[in-house]
Amino acid sequence: MIGKLKGVVDSYGGDFVLLDVQGVGYEVHCSARTLQRLPKPGEPAVLSIETHVREDMIRLYGFRSDAEREWFRLLQTVQGVGSKVALGLLSVLEPPQLASAIATGDKTAVARAPGVGPRLAARLVAELKDKAPAFAPIDPALIALSGAVENRSAPQPVADAISALVNLGYAQLQASAAVAAALKAGGEDAEAKVLIRLALKELAQ
């Protein structure tokens, strides 16, 4: 099995790069984000490789980091997620962003990927939520807060502060992270207006 390729970029296709490794051209399928960050033809490149072998074909998938490859594997453990959807998710979200979105239950961010509707996004979050923190340094307080908001068990000032920040245009994950930081600074009994002020200060940094 091929686990890594080091060669020279020959050319690009719609969703793949042709990598010349000592005269042998390997067609390697990648996420849009990975393709955008690879060098121009004629320059060297290194990719972590996931090899899929089927009766009628062998297909190579390439990643700029081992973490991206691990997410590609992990995503496909969820029913309804194949290689195409997994690459779509990695095209929209970096591995740390994907880990944060799943760990904090941000289904809206997950559903931004092509081929991922609300139902599949909910399944991804539900099945991978416990595994996601291992892939990114996520504050446990943020995970707990996001879960409380999702379950409608968060204190009213916290829910109001997050809602206010979302209404100001911040993403749910940004708002939750800022309010989690505000709670540490202002204390568990802080009023919504105090949390909003501290959270906006946090977001401005």
Foldseek 3Di string as FASTA:
>chain_A
DAFKAKAFFAQDDPFWTFGQGPNDTATAGAAPQQVVPDDDGPHIDMWGWDWDDDPVDIYIYTDNDVLLVVQLVVQVVFPPDDNVQSSQQCNQDPLQRVLLCLLLVVLVSSCVGPPRHSVNSNSSSVVCNVPSCVSYVDDVLLSVQSVCLVVVNQPPLLVVLLVVVVVVPDRSSLSSVLLSVQCVVVHPPDGNVSSNVSSVVVVVD
